[in-house]
Amino acid sequence: GGSLRLSCAPSGFTLEYYAIGWFRQVPGKEREGISCVSPSGGST
């Protein structure tokens, strides 16, 4: 029932030109794509 906020920052490049995805993985299972935001932020 609680909340967390994750952050994602780049190393060596600028994020603004790229869509960014969040994924999650549990040991023994495939990586799951859970969210994506377009380069402008206008589409999720």
All heavy atoms as atom14 arrays in JSON, in Angstrom:
{
  "sequence": "GGSLRLSCAPSGFTLEYYAIGWFRQVPGKEREGISCVSPSGGST",
  "atom14_mask": [
    [1, 1, 1, 1, 0, 0, 0, 0, 0, 0, 0, 0, 0, 0],
    [1, 1, 1, 1, 0, 0, 0, 0, 0, 0, 0, 0, 0, 0],
    [1, 1, 1, 1, 1, 1, 0, 0, 0, 0, 0, 0, 0, 0],
    [1, 1, 1, 1, 1, 1, 1, 1, 0, 0, 0, 0, 0, 0],
    [1, 1, 1, 1, 1, 1, 1, 1, 1, 1, 1, 0, 0, 0],
    [1, 1, 1, 1, 1, 1, 1, 1, 0, 0, 0, 0, 0, 0],
    [1, 1, 1, 1, 1, 1, 0, 0, 0, 0, 0, 0, 0, 0],
    [1, 1, 1, 1, 1, 1, 0, 0, 0, 0, 0, 0, 0, 0],
    [1, 1, 1, 1, 1, 0, 0, 0, 0, 0, 0, 0, 0, 0],
    [1, 1, 1, 1, 1, 1, 1, 0, 0, 0, 0, 0, 0, 0],
    [1, 1, 1, 1, 1, 1, 0, 0, 0, 0, 0, 0, 0, 0],
    [1, 1, 1, 1, 0, 0, 0, 0, 0, 0, 0, 0, 0, 0],
    [1, 1, 1, 1, 1, 1, 1, 1, 1, 1, 1, 0, 0, 0],
    [1, 1, 1, 1, 1, 1, 1, 0, 0, 0, 0, 0, 0, 0],
    [1, 1, 1, 1, 1, 1, 1, 1, 0, 0, 0, 0, 0, 0],
    [1, 1, 1, 1, 1, 1, 1, 1, 1, 0, 0, 0, 0, 0],
    [1, 1, 1, 1, 1, 1, 1, 1, 1, 1, 1, 1, 0, 0],
    [1, 1, 1, 1, 1, 1, 1, 1, 1, 1, 1, 1, 0, 0],
    [1, 1, 1, 1, 1, 0, 0, 0, 0, 0, 0, 0, 0, 0],
    [1, 1, 1, 1, 1, 1, 1, 1, 0, 0, 0, 0, 0, 0],
    [1, 1, 1, 1, 0, 0, 0, 0, 0, 0, 0, 0, 0, 0],
    [1, 1, 1, 1, 1, 1, 1, 1, 1, 1, 1, 1, 1, 1],
    [1, 1, 1, 1, 1, 1, 1, 1, 1, 1, 1, 0, 0, 0],
    [1, 1, 1, 1, 1, 1, 1, 1, 1, 1, 1, 0, 0, 0],
    [1, 1, 1, 1, 1, 1, 1, 1, 1, 0, 0, 0, 0, 0],
    [1, 1, 1, 1, 1, 1, 1, 0, 0, 0, 0, 0, 0, 0],
    [1, 1, 1, 1, 1, 1, 1, 0, 0, 0, 0, 0, 0, 0],
    [1, 1, 1, 1, 0, 0, 0, 0, 0, 0, 0, 0, 0, 0],
    [1, 1, 1, 1, 1, 1, 1, 1, 1, 0, 0, 0, 0, 0],
    [1, 1, 1, 1, 1, 1, 1, 1, 1, 0, 0, 0, 0, 0],
    [1, 1, 1, 1, 1, 1, 1, 1, 1, 1, 1, 0, 0, 0],
    [1, 1, 1, 1, 1, 1, 1, 1, 1, 0, 0, 0, 0, 0],
    [1, 1, 1, 1, 0, 0, 0, 0, 0, 0, 0, 0, 0, 0],
    [1, 1, 1, 1, 1, 1, 1, 1, 0, 0, 0, 0, 0, 0],
    [1, 1, 1, 1, 1, 1, 0, 0, 0, 0, 0, 0, 0, 0],
    [1, 1, 1, 1, 1, 1, 0, 0, 0, 0, 0, 0, 0, 0],
    [1, 1, 1, 1, 1, 1, 1, 0, 0, 0, 0, 0, 0, 0],
    [1, 1, 1, 1, 1, 1, 0, 0, 0, 0, 0, 0, 0, 0],
    [1, 1, 1, 1, 1, 1, 1, 0, 0, 0, 0, 0, 0, 0],
    [1, 1, 1, 1, 1, 1, 0, 0, 0, 0, 0, 0, 0, 0],
    [1, 1, 1, 1, 0, 0, 0, 0, 0, 0, 0, 0, 0, 0],
    [1, 1, 1, 1, 0, 0, 0, 0, 0, 0, 0, 0, 0, 0],
    [1, 1, 1, 1, 1, 1, 0, 0, 0, 0, 0, 0, 0, 0],
    [1, 1, 1, 1, 1, 1, 1, 0, 0, 0, 0, 0, 0, 0]
  ],
  "atom14_positions": [
    [[0.79, -1.22, 0.0], [0.0, 0.0, 0.0], [0.82, 1.27, 0.0], [0.27, 2.37, -0.19], [0.0, 0.0, 0.0], [0.0, 0.0, 0.0], [0.0, 0.0, 0.0], [0.0, 0.0, 0.0], [0.0, 0.0, 0.0], [0.0, 0.0, 0.0], [0.0, 0.0, 0.0], [0.0, 0.0, 0.0], [0.0, 0.0, 0.0], [0.0, 0.0, 0.0]],
    [[2.12, 1.14, 0.2], [2.99, 2.3, 0.25], [3.41, 2.79, -1.12], [2.96, 2.27, -2.15], [0.0, 0.0, 0.0], [0.0, 0.0, 0.0], [0.0, 0.0, 0.0], [0.0, 0.0, 0.0], [0.0, 0.0, 0.0], [0.0, 0.0, 0.0], [0.0, 0.0, 0.0], [0.0, 0.0, 0.0], [0.0, 0.0, 0.0], [0.0, 0.0, 0.0]],
    [[4.29, 3.79, -1.1], [4.73, 4.43, -2.33], [6.25, 4.58, -2.35], [6.89, 4.68, -1.3], [4.11, 5.83, -2.46], [2.71, 5.77, -2.52], [0.0, 0.0, 0.0], [0.0, 0.0, 0.0], [0.0, 0.0, 0.0], [0.0, 0.0, 0.0], [0.0, 0.0, 0.0], [0.0, 0.0, 0.0], [0.0, 0.0, 0.0], [0.0, 0.0, 0.0]],
    [[6.77, 4.6, -3.55], [8.18, 4.92, -3.79], [8.27, 5.71, -5.09], [7.43, 5.54, -5.98], [9.03, 3.65, -3.93], [9.41, 2.87, -2.68], [10.13, 1.59, -3.09], [10.29, 3.7, -1.76], [0.0, 0.0, 0.0], [0.0, 0.0, 0.0], [0.0, 0.0, 0.0], [0.0, 0.0, 0.0], [0.0, 0.0, 0.0], [0.0, 0.0, 0.0]],
    [[9.3, 6.53, -5.19], [9.59, 7.19, -6.46], [11.0, 6.83, -6.9], [11.98, 7.11, -6.2], [9.45, 8.71, -6.37], [9.56, 9.38, -7.73], [9.33, 10.87, -7.7], [10.52, 11.6, -7.26], [10.75, 12.88, -7.55], [9.88, 13.56, -8.28], [11.83, 13.49, -7.1], [0.0, 0.0, 0.0], [0.0, 0.0, 0.0], [0.0, 0.0, 0.0]],
    [[11.09, 6.23, -8.05], [12.37, 5.89, -8.64], [12.82, 7.01, -9.57], [12.0, 7.64, -10.22], [12.28, 4.58, -9.42], [11.74, 3.37, -8.66], [11.81, 2.14, -9.58], [12.48, 3.14, -7.37], [0.0, 0.0, 0.0], [0.0, 0.0, 0.0], [0.0, 0.0, 0.0], [0.0, 0.0, 0.0], [0.0, 0.0, 0.0], [0.0, 0.0, 0.0]],
    [[14.13, 7.19, -9.64], [14.72, 8.16, -10.55], [15.69, 7.47, -11.48], [16.3, 6.45, -11.12], [15.45, 9.26, -9.77], [14.57, 9.97, -8.95], [0.0, 0.0, 0.0], [0.0, 0.0, 0.0], [0.0, 0.0, 0.0], [0.0, 0.0, 0.0], [0.0, 0.0, 0.0], [0.0, 0.0, 0.0], [0.0, 0.0, 0.0], [0.0, 0.0, 0.0]],
    [[15.85, 8.05, -12.66], [16.74, 7.5, -13.68], [17.5, 8.66, -14.3], [16.89, 9.59, -14.85], [15.92, 6.78, -14.73], [16.83, 6.24, -16.2], [0.0, 0.0, 0.0], [0.0, 0.0, 0.0], [0.0, 0.0, 0.0], [0.0, 0.0, 0.0], [0.0, 0.0, 0.0], [0.0, 0.0, 0.0], [0.0, 0.0, 0.0], [0.0, 0.0, 0.0]],
    [[18.81, 8.62, -14.19], [19.64, 9.69, -14.73], [20.7, 9.09, -15.64], [21.19, 7.99, -15.38], [20.29, 10.49, -13.61], [0.0, 0.0, 0.0], [0.0, 0.0, 0.0], [0.0, 0.0, 0.0], [0.0, 0.0, 0.0], [0.0, 0.0, 0.0], [0.0, 0.0, 0.0], [0.0, 0.0, 0.0], [0.0, 0.0, 0.0], [0.0, 0.0, 0.0]],
    [[21.09, 9.8, -16.68], [22.04, 9.24, -17.63], [23.48, 9.47, -17.22], [23.78, 10.35, -16.41], [21.73, 10.01, -18.91], [21.36, 11.37, -18.4], [20.61, 11.12, -17.12], [0.0, 0.0, 0.0], [0.0, 0.0, 0.0], [0.0, 0.0, 0.0], [0.0, 0.0, 0.0], [0.0, 0.0, 0.0], [0.0, 0.0, 0.0], [0.0, 0.0, 0.0]],
    [[24.34, 8.66, -17.81], [25.78, 8.84, -17.67], [26.38, 8.93, -19.06], [26.36, 7.96, -19.81], [26.38, 7.66, -16.91], [27.79, 7.74, -16.88], [0.0, 0.0, 0.0], [0.0, 0.0, 0.0], [0.0, 0.0, 0.0], [0.0, 0.0, 0.0], [0.0, 0.0, 0.0], [0.0, 0.0, 0.0], [0.0, 0.0, 0.0], [0.0, 0.0, 0.0]],
    [[26.83, 10.13, -19.43], [27.51, 10.26, -20.71], [26.65, 10.69, -21.88], [27.16, 10.75, -23.01], [0.0, 0.0, 0.0], [0.0, 0.0, 0.0], [0.0, 0.0, 0.0], [0.0, 0.0, 0.0], [0.0, 0.0, 0.0], [0.0, 0.0, 0.0], [0.0, 0.0, 0.0], [0.0, 0.0, 0.0], [0.0, 0.0, 0.0], [0.0, 0.0, 0.0]],
    [[25.38, 10.97, -21.68], [24.56, 11.46, -22.78], [23.34, 12.2, -22.23], [23.1, 12.22, -21.02], [24.12, 10.3, -23.69], [23.15, 9.34, -23.08], [21.8, 9.37, -23.43], [23.56, 8.38, -22.18], [20.91, 8.47, -22.88], [22.68, 7.48, -21.62], [21.34, 7.52, -21.96], [0.0, 0.0, 0.0], [0.0, 0.0, 0.0], [0.0, 0.0, 0.0]],
    [[22.58, 12.8, -23.14], [21.39, 13.56, -22.77], [20.15, 12.74, -23.08], [20.02, 12.2, -24.17], [21.35, 14.88, -23.56], [22.53, 15.65, -23.27], [20.13, 15.71, -23.17], [0.0, 0.0, 0.0], [0.0, 0.0, 0.0], [0.0, 0.0, 0.0], [0.0, 0.0, 0.0], [0.0, 0.0, 0.0], [0.0, 0.0, 0.0], [0.0, 0.0, 0.0]],
    [[19.25, 12.68, -22.1], [18.08, 11.85, -22.24], [17.02, 12.41, -23.19], [16.21, 11.65, -23.73], [17.4, 11.65, -20.88], [18.04, 10.71, -19.86], [17.2, 10.7, -18.6], [18.2, 9.32, -20.43], [0.0, 0.0, 0.0], [0.0, 0.0, 0.0], [0.0, 0.0, 0.0], [0.0, 0.0, 0.0], [0.0, 0.0, 0.0], [0.0, 0.0, 0.0]],
    [[17.02, 13.71, -23.41], [15.82, 14.35, -23.97], [15.46, 13.87, -25.36], [14.32, 14.08, -25.79], [16.0, 15.87, -23.97], [17.07, 16.38, -24.9], [17.11, 17.91, -24.9], [16.04, 18.52, -25.03], [18.21, 18.47, -24.77], [0.0, 0.0, 0.0], [0.0, 0.0, 0.0], [0.0, 0.0, 0.0], [0.0, 0.0, 0.0], [0.0, 0.0, 0.0]],
    [[16.36, 13.23, -26.1], [16.06, 12.81, -27.45], [15.55, 11.37, -27.53], [15.25, 10.88, -28.62], [17.29, 12.96, -28.33], [17.85, 14.36, -28.32], [19.1, 14.62, -27.76], [17.13, 15.42, -28.83], [19.62, 15.9, -27.73], [17.63, 16.71, -28.81], [18.88, 16.94, -28.26], [19.39, 18.21, -28.23], [0.0, 0.0, 0.0], [0.0, 0.0, 0.0]],
    [[15.45, 10.73, -26.38], [15.15, 9.29, -26.36], [13.91, 8.98, -25.52], [13.71, 9.57, -24.45], [16.32, 8.51, -25.79], [17.6, 8.67, -26.55], [18.51, 9.67, -26.22], [17.91, 7.83, -27.62], [19.69, 9.83, -26.93], [19.09, 7.98, -28.33], [19.96, 8.98, -27.98], [21.13, 9.13, -28.68], [0.0, 0.0, 0.0], [0.0, 0.0, 0.0]],
    [[13.11, 8.04, -26.02], [12.11, 7.45, -25.14], [12.84, 6.66, -24.05], [13.89, 6.06, -24.28], [11.2, 6.52, -25.94], [0.0, 0.0, 0.0], [0.0, 0.0, 0.0], [0.0, 0.0, 0.0], [0.0, 0.0, 0.0], [0.0, 0.0, 0.0], [0.0, 0.0, 0.0], [0.0, 0.0, 0.0], [0.0, 0.0, 0.0], [0.0, 0.0, 0.0]],
    [[12.26, 6.69, -22.87], [12.85, 5.98, -21.73], [11.83, 4.98, -21.2], [10.65, 5.29, -21.02], [13.23, 6.95, -20.59], [14.22, 8.0, -21.1], [13.82, 6.18, -19.41], [15.54, 7.45, -21.58], [0.0, 0.0, 0.0], [0.0, 0.0, 0.0], [0.0, 0.0, 0.0], [0.0, 0.0, 0.0], [0.0, 0.0, 0.0], [0.0, 0.0, 0.0]],
    [[12.31, 3.77, -20.97], [11.45, 2.72, -20.44], [11.87, 2.3, -19.06], [13.05, 2.38, -18.7], [0.0, 0.0, 0.0], [0.0, 0.0, 0.0], [0.0, 0.0, 0.0], [0.0, 0.0, 0.0], [0.0, 0.0, 0.0], [0.0, 0.0, 0.0], [0.0, 0.0, 0.0], [0.0, 0.0, 0.0], [0.0, 0.0, 0.0], [0.0, 0.0, 0.0]],
    [[10.9, 1.85, -18.3], [11.17, 1.2, -17.01], [10.81, -0.28, -17.15], [9.76, -0.62, -17.7], [10.34, 1.83, -15.9], [10.91, 3.1, -15.36], [10.52, 4.37, -15.69], [11.96, 3.24, -14.4], [11.27, 5.29, -14.99], [12.16, 4.63, -14.19], [12.75, 2.35, -13.68], [13.12, 5.13, -13.31], [13.7, 2.86, -12.8], [13.87, 4.23, -12.63]],
    [[11.67, -1.11, -16.62], [11.5, -2.55, -16.65], [11.7, -3.09, -15.24], [12.3, -2.44, -14.4], [12.53, -3.19, -17.6], [12.4, -2.75, -19.02], [12.89, -1.51, -19.45], [11.79, -3.56, -19.96], [12.77, -1.09, -20.76], [11.66, -3.16, -21.28], [12.15, -1.93, -21.67], [0.0, 0.0, 0.0], [0.0, 0.0, 0.0], [0.0, 0.0, 0.0]],
    [[11.23, -4.3, -15.01], [11.51, -4.95, -13.75], [11.76, -6.43, -13.99], [11.27, -7.01, -14.97], [10.38, -4.73, -12.75], [9.06, -5.36, -13.12], [7.98, -4.93, -12.11], [6.69, -5.54, -12.39], [5.57, -5.23, -11.74], [5.6, -4.32, -10.76], [4.44, -5.83, -12.06], [0.0, 0.0, 0.0], [0.0, 0.0, 0.0], [0.0, 0.0, 0.0]],
    [[12.5, -7.01, -13.08], [12.85, -8.42, -13.24], [12.97, -9.09, -11.89], [13.58, -8.55, -10.96], [14.16, -8.57, -14.02], [14.48, -9.99, -14.43], [15.6, -10.06, -15.43], [16.43, -9.16, -15.54], [15.64, -11.13, -16.21], [0.0, 0.0, 0.0], [0.0, 0.0, 0.0], [0.0, 0.0, 0.0], [0.0, 0.0, 0.0], [0.0, 0.0, 0.0]],
    [[12.39, -10.26, -11.82], [12.49, -11.13, -10.66], [13.4, -12.29, -11.04], [13.32, -12.77, -12.19], [11.11, -11.64, -10.24], [11.22, -12.64, -9.1], [10.21, -10.49, -9.85], [0.0, 0.0, 0.0], [0.0, 0.0, 0.0], [0.0, 0.0, 0.0], [0.0, 0.0, 0.0], [0.0, 0.0, 0.0], [0.0, 0.0, 0.0], [0.0, 0.0, 0.0]],
    [[14.29, -12.74, -10.16], [15.18, -13.86, -10.52], [14.4, -15.04, -11.09], [13.38, -15.46, -10.53], [15.84, -14.2, -9.19], [15.85, -12.91, -8.44], [14.57, -12.23, -8.82], [0.0, 0.0, 0.0], [0.0, 0.0, 0.0], [0.0, 0.0, 0.0], [0.0, 0.0, 0.0], [0.0, 0.0, 0.0], [0.0, 0.0, 0.0], [0.0, 0.0, 0.0]],
    [[14.88, -15.54, -12.21], [14.25, -16.69, -12.84], [13.14, -16.36, -13.8], [12.58, -17.26, -14.43], [0.0, 0.0, 0.0], [0.0, 0.0, 0.0], [0.0, 0.0, 0.0], [0.0, 0.0, 0.0], [0.0, 0.0, 0.0], [0.0, 0.0, 0.0], [0.0, 0.0, 0.0], [0.0, 0.0, 0.0], [0.0, 0.0, 0.0], [0.0, 0.0, 0.0]],
    [[12.82, -15.08, -13.92], [11.74, -14.66, -14.83], [12.27, -13.66, -15.84], [13.31, -13.03, -15.64], [10.58, -14.06, -14.04], [9.85, -15.04, -13.15], [8.58, -14.44, -12.59], [7.81, -15.46, -11.78], [6.54, -14.89, -11.23], [0.0, 0.0, 0.0], [0.0, 0.0, 0.0], [0.0, 0.0, 0.0], [0.0, 0.0, 0.0], [0.0, 0.0, 0.0]],
    [[11.54, -13.51, -16.93], [11.93, -12.56, -17.97], [11.75, -11.12, -17.49], [10.91, -10.84, -16.64], [11.1, -12.78, -19.23], [11.44, -14.06, -19.96], [10.77, -14.14, -21.31], [10.06, -13.19, -21.69], [10.94, -15.16, -22.0], [0.0, 0.0, 0.0], [0.0, 0.0, 0.0], [0.0, 0.0, 0.0], [0.0, 0.0, 0.0], [0.0, 0.0, 0.0]],
    [[12.55, -10.24, -18.07], [12.42, -8.82, -17.77], [11.11, -8.31, -18.34], [10.78, -8.54, -19.5], [13.6, -8.07, -18.37], [13.75, -6.65, -17.92], [15.12, -6.1, -18.27], [16.17, -6.77, -17.51], [17.44, -6.36, -17.49], [17.79, -5.3, -18.19], [18.33, -7.01, -16.78], [0.0, 0.0, 0.0], [0.0, 0.0, 0.0], [0.0, 0.0, 0.0]],
    [[10.35, -7.6, -17.52], [9.02, -7.11, -17.89], [9.07, -5.61, -18.14], [9.49, -4.84, -17.27], [8.01, -7.41, -16.77], [6.63, -6.85, -17.02], [5.7, -6.96, -15.8], [6.2, -7.22, -14.69], [4.48, -6.76, -15.97], [0.0, 0.0, 0.0], [0.0, 0.0, 0.0], [0.0, 0.0, 0.0], [0.0, 0.0, 0.0], [0.0, 0.0, 0.0]],
    [[8.64, -5.18, -19.29], [8.5, -3.76, -19.59], [7.25, -3.23, -18.93], [6.15, -3.73, -19.21], [0.0, 0.0, 0.0], [0.0, 0.0, 0.0], [0.0, 0.0, 0.0], [0.0, 0.0, 0.0], [0.0, 0.0, 0.0], [0.0, 0.0, 0.0], [0.0, 0.0, 0.0], [0.0, 0.0, 0.0], [0.0, 0.0, 0.0], [0.0, 0.0, 0.0]],
    [[7.36, -2.21, -18.07], [6.19, -1.76, -17.34], [5.75, -0.35, -17.7], [4.58, 0.0, -17.5], [6.4, -1.86, -15.82], [7.63, -1.06, -15.38], [6.52, -3.31, -15.39], [7.79, -0.97, -13.86], [0.0, 0.0, 0.0], [0.0, 0.0, 0.0], [0.0, 0.0, 0.0], [0.0, 0.0, 0.0], [0.0, 0.0, 0.0], [0.0, 0.0, 0.0]],
    [[6.65, 0.47, -18.24], [6.24, 1.83, -18.57], [7.24, 2.45, -19.53], [8.41, 2.07, -19.55], [6.13, 2.68, -17.31], [5.55, 3.94, -17.6], [0.0, 0.0, 0.0], [0.0, 0.0, 0.0], [0.0, 0.0, 0.0], [0.0, 0.0, 0.0], [0.0, 0.0, 0.0], [0.0, 0.0, 0.0], [0.0, 0.0, 0.0], [0.0, 0.0, 0.0]],
    [[6.75, 3.4, -20.29], [7.6, 4.1, -21.26], [7.11, 5.53, -21.4], [5.89, 5.78, -21.35], [7.56, 3.37, -22.61], [8.56, 4.11, -23.9], [0.0, 0.0, 0.0], [0.0, 0.0, 0.0], [0.0, 0.0, 0.0], [0.0, 0.0, 0.0], [0.0, 0.0, 0.0], [0.0, 0.0, 0.0], [0.0, 0.0, 0.0], [0.0, 0.0, 0.0]],
    [[8.04, 6.45, -21.59], [7.68, 7.85, -21.83], [8.4, 8.32, -23.08], [9.57, 8.02, -23.29], [8.01, 8.73, -20.6], [9.5, 8.71, -20.28], [7.52, 10.16, -20.8], [0.0, 0.0, 0.0], [0.0, 0.0, 0.0], [0.0, 0.0, 0.0], [0.0, 0.0, 0.0], [0.0, 0.0, 0.0], [0.0, 0.0, 0.0], [0.0, 0.0, 0.0]],
    [[7.69, 9.03, -23.93], [8.24, 9.52, -25.19], [9.28, 10.61, -24.92], [9.35, 11.14, -23.81], [7.11, 10.08, -26.06], [6.54, 11.21, -25.44], [0.0, 0.0, 0.0], [0.0, 0.0, 0.0], [0.0, 0.0, 0.0], [0.0, 0.0, 0.0], [0.0, 0.0, 0.0], [0.0, 0.0, 0.0], [0.0, 0.0, 0.0], [0.0, 0.0, 0.0]],
    [[10.09, 10.94, -25.93], [11.14, 11.95, -25.71], [10.62, 13.28, -25.17], [11.27, 13.89, -24.31], [11.75, 12.12, -27.1], [11.57, 10.78, -27.74], [10.23, 10.3, -27.24], [0.0, 0.0, 0.0], [0.0, 0.0, 0.0], [0.0, 0.0, 0.0], [0.0, 0.0, 0.0], [0.0, 0.0, 0.0], [0.0, 0.0, 0.0], [0.0, 0.0, 0.0]],
    [[9.47, 13.72, -25.62], [8.93, 15.0, -25.15], [8.19, 14.88, -23.82], [7.9, 15.88, -23.17], [7.96, 15.56, -26.19], [6.78, 14.78, -26.23], [0.0, 0.0, 0.0], [0.0, 0.0, 0.0], [0.0, 0.0, 0.0], [0.0, 0.0, 0.0], [0.0, 0.0, 0.0], [0.0, 0.0, 0.0], [0.0, 0.0, 0.0], [0.0, 0.0, 0.0]],
    [[7.86, 13.66, -23.46], [7.04, 13.44, -22.27], [5.55, 13.49, -22.54], [4.75, 13.28, -21.65], [0.0, 0.0, 0.0], [0.0, 0.0, 0.0], [0.0, 0.0, 0.0], [0.0, 0.0, 0.0], [0.0, 0.0, 0.0], [0.0, 0.0, 0.0], [0.0, 0.0, 0.0], [0.0, 0.0, 0.0], [0.0, 0.0, 0.0], [0.0, 0.0, 0.0]],
    [[5.19, 13.73, -23.78], [3.78, 13.88, -24.11], [3.01, 12.59, -24.26], [1.78, 12.61, -24.31], [0.0, 0.0, 0.0], [0.0, 0.0, 0.0], [0.0, 0.0, 0.0], [0.0, 0.0, 0.0], [0.0, 0.0, 0.0], [0.0, 0.0, 0.0], [0.0, 0.0, 0.0], [0.0, 0.0, 0.0], [0.0, 0.0, 0.0], [0.0, 0.0, 0.0]],
    [[3.69, 11.48, -24.33], [3.04, 10.19, -24.51], [3.64, 9.18, -23.54], [4.86, 9.12, -23.38], [3.22, 9.71, -25.95], [2.68, 8.42, -26.13], [0.0, 0.0, 0.0], [0.0, 0.0, 0.0], [0.0, 0.0, 0.0], [0.0, 0.0, 0.0], [0.0, 0.0, 0.0], [0.0, 0.0, 0.0], [0.0, 0.0, 0.0], [0.0, 0.0, 0.0]],
    [[2.76, 8.41, -22.91], [3.22, 7.39, -21.97], [2.5, 6.08, -22.23], [1.37, 6.06, -22.76], [2.97, 7.81, -20.52], [1.58, 8.09, -20.33], [3.78, 9.05, -20.16], [0.0, 0.0, 0.0], [0.0, 0.0, 0.0], [0.0, 0.0, 0.0], [0.0, 0.0, 0.0], [0.0, 0.0, 0.0], [0.0, 0.0, 0.0], [0.0, 0.0, 0.0]]
  ]
}
